[in-house]
């Protein structure tokens, strides 16, 4: 019988994604609780960042279990976190809203973009085995 446990790499990658989501939620909370924004787009940013963080927290948890759809979603969410995080850091640095947590969140997202694709073949193999087992059980 083949070993179909997720393994350390997927566990670490999932926890990195969860850490990135937690950092994005923390950054969002800091901004929402500390500042009032005049422009709608700037006011919507912290809430969007918080929602992305919640999604990353869930995707990271499912990635640790070897779910292929969660690993694929985590790659996309981490990529979006890097892109939007860099854009926010540039804006925040010019507007005086800079927080160190947002820099940490971008770094964690970037690390997730590196680790999750490395563990993706293992997640695909585990999900394929789960589908085969479910097919056998259903008859």
Protein backbone atom coordinates (compact mmCIF):
# COMPACT_ATOMS: atom_id res chain seq x y z
CA UNK A 1 0.00 0.00 0.00
CA UNK A 2 1.27 3.41 -0.95
CA UNK A 3 1.76 6.12 1.66
CA UNK A 4 -0.86 8.80 0.96
CA UNK A 5 -0.28 11.11 3.89
CA UNK A 6 0.21 14.76 2.92
CA UNK A 7 3.72 14.92 4.33
CA UNK A 8 5.81 17.68 5.81
CA UNK A 9 6.11 19.84 2.69
CA UNK A 10 2.37 20.23 2.20
CA UNK A 11 1.96 20.81 5.92
CA UNK A 12 4.57 23.56 5.94
CA UNK A 13 3.18 25.11 2.76
CA UNK A 14 -0.34 25.09 4.19
CA UNK A 15 0.80 26.71 7.42
CA UNK A 16 2.71 29.38 5.48
CA UNK A 17 -0.48 30.18 3.53
CA UNK A 18 -2.42 30.29 6.80
CA UNK A 19 0.21 32.61 8.27
CA UNK A 20 -0.04 34.87 5.23
CA UNK A 21 -3.82 34.97 5.61
CA UNK A 22 -3.51 35.80 9.29
CA UNK A 23 -1.01 38.57 8.51
CA UNK A 24 -3.34 40.03 5.87
CA UNK A 25 -6.26 39.94 8.31
CA UNK A 26 -4.14 41.62 10.99
CA UNK A 27 -3.01 44.32 8.58
CA UNK A 28 -6.62 44.85 7.54
CA UNK A 29 -7.75 45.14 11.17
CA UNK A 30 -4.99 47.66 11.90
CA UNK A 31 -6.07 49.84 9.00
CA UNK A 32 -9.80 49.63 9.66
CA UNK A 33 -9.47 50.34 13.36
CA UNK A 34 -6.89 53.10 13.08
CA UNK A 35 -7.80 55.25 10.10
CA UNK A 36 -10.79 56.75 8.37
CA UNK A 37 -10.55 56.85 4.60
CA UNK A 38 -12.06 59.46 2.32
CA UNK A 39 -11.86 57.76 -1.06
CA UNK A 40 -14.03 54.72 -1.74
CA UNK A 41 -11.32 52.63 -3.42
CA UNK A 42 -8.88 53.21 -0.58
CA UNK A 43 -11.62 52.56 1.99
CA UNK A 44 -12.49 49.24 0.33
CA UNK A 45 -8.89 48.01 0.32
CA UNK A 46 -8.62 46.93 3.99
CA UNK A 47 -11.89 45.02 3.80
CA UNK A 48 -10.83 43.26 0.60
CA UNK A 49 -7.49 42.43 2.16
CA UNK A 50 -9.25 40.99 5.19
CA UNK A 51 -11.53 38.83 3.03
CA UNK A 52 -8.54 37.57 1.05
CA UNK A 53 -6.87 36.75 4.37
CA UNK A 54 -9.89 34.74 5.55
CA UNK A 55 -9.89 32.82 2.26
CA UNK A 56 -6.18 32.14 2.56
CA UNK A 57 -6.65 30.89 6.10
CA UNK A 58 -9.22 28.34 4.89
CA UNK A 59 -7.23 27.34 1.80
CA UNK A 60 -4.08 26.88 3.85
CA UNK A 61 -5.90 24.59 6.26
CA UNK A 62 -7.23 22.45 3.43
CA UNK A 63 -3.82 22.40 1.75
CA UNK A 64 -2.33 20.76 4.84
CA UNK A 65 -4.80 17.90 4.25
CA UNK A 66 -3.59 17.39 0.68
CA UNK A 67 -6.63 18.81 -1.13
CA UNK A 68 -5.69 19.58 -4.74
CA UNK A 69 -8.34 22.26 -5.25
CA UNK A 70 -7.18 24.05 -2.10
CA UNK A 71 -3.54 23.95 -3.20
CA UNK A 72 -4.48 25.43 -6.58
CA UNK A 73 -6.61 28.07 -4.90
CA UNK A 74 -3.80 28.85 -2.45
CA UNK A 75 -1.40 29.48 -5.33
CA UNK A 76 -3.85 31.97 -6.85
CA UNK A 77 -4.63 33.60 -3.51
CA UNK A 78 -0.95 33.96 -2.63
CA UNK A 79 -0.24 35.44 -6.05
CA UNK A 80 -3.05 37.93 -5.58
CA UNK A 81 -1.76 38.68 -2.10
CA UNK A 82 1.71 39.46 -3.47
CA UNK A 83 0.42 41.70 -6.26
CA UNK A 84 -2.13 43.60 -4.21
CA UNK A 85 0.17 43.73 -1.20
CA UNK A 86 2.96 45.36 -3.18
CA UNK A 87 0.50 47.85 -4.66
CA UNK A 88 -0.77 48.65 -1.16
CA UNK A 89 2.73 49.05 0.26
CA UNK A 90 3.62 51.53 -2.49
CA UNK A 91 0.42 53.50 -1.87
CA UNK A 92 0.72 53.31 1.90
CA UNK A 93 4.34 54.45 1.90
CA UNK A 94 3.40 57.56 -0.04
CA UNK A 95 0.29 58.27 2.05
CA UNK A 96 1.76 57.62 5.49
CA UNK A 97 -0.25 54.45 6.21
CA UNK A 98 2.69 52.07 6.24
CA UNK A 99 2.52 49.06 8.56
CA UNK A 100 5.19 46.42 9.03
CA UNK A 101 2.56 43.66 9.10
CA UNK A 102 1.66 44.36 5.47
CA UNK A 103 5.30 43.83 4.46
CA UNK A 104 5.33 40.58 6.44
CA UNK A 105 2.11 39.49 4.69
CA UNK A 106 3.64 40.05 1.25
CA UNK A 107 6.69 38.02 2.24
CA UNK A 108 4.53 35.17 3.52
CA UNK A 109 2.44 35.24 0.33
CA UNK A 110 5.60 35.08 -1.76
CA UNK A 111 6.86 32.12 0.28
CA UNK A 112 3.49 30.43 -0.22
CA UNK A 113 3.81 31.00 -3.98
CA UNK A 114 7.09 29.09 -3.84
CA UNK A 115 6.20 26.24 -1.45
CA UNK A 116 2.69 25.28 -2.57
CA UNK A 117 3.63 24.54 -6.22
CA UNK A 118 6.47 22.33 -4.97
CA UNK A 119 3.98 20.29 -2.92
CA UNK A 120 1.25 20.33 -5.59
CA UNK A 121 2.17 16.97 -7.20
CA UNK A 122 1.73 15.28 -3.82
CA UNK A 123 -1.68 16.93 -3.35
CA UNK A 124 -2.76 15.82 -6.83
CA UNK A 125 -1.67 12.25 -6.09
CA UNK A 126 -3.57 12.20 -2.78
CA UNK A 127 -6.73 13.63 -4.35
CA UNK A 128 -6.55 11.12 -7.20
CA UNK A 129 -6.31 8.29 -4.64
CA UNK A 130 -9.27 9.73 -2.70
CA UNK A 131 -11.37 9.78 -5.86
CA UNK A 132 -10.40 6.18 -6.66
CA UNK A 133 -11.33 5.04 -3.16
CA UNK A 134 -14.65 6.89 -3.38
CA UNK A 135 -15.32 5.27 -6.75
CA UNK A 136 -14.64 1.82 -5.26
CA UNK A 137 -16.91 2.49 -2.27
CA UNK A 138 -19.78 3.72 -4.46
CA UNK A 139 -19.51 0.63 -6.62
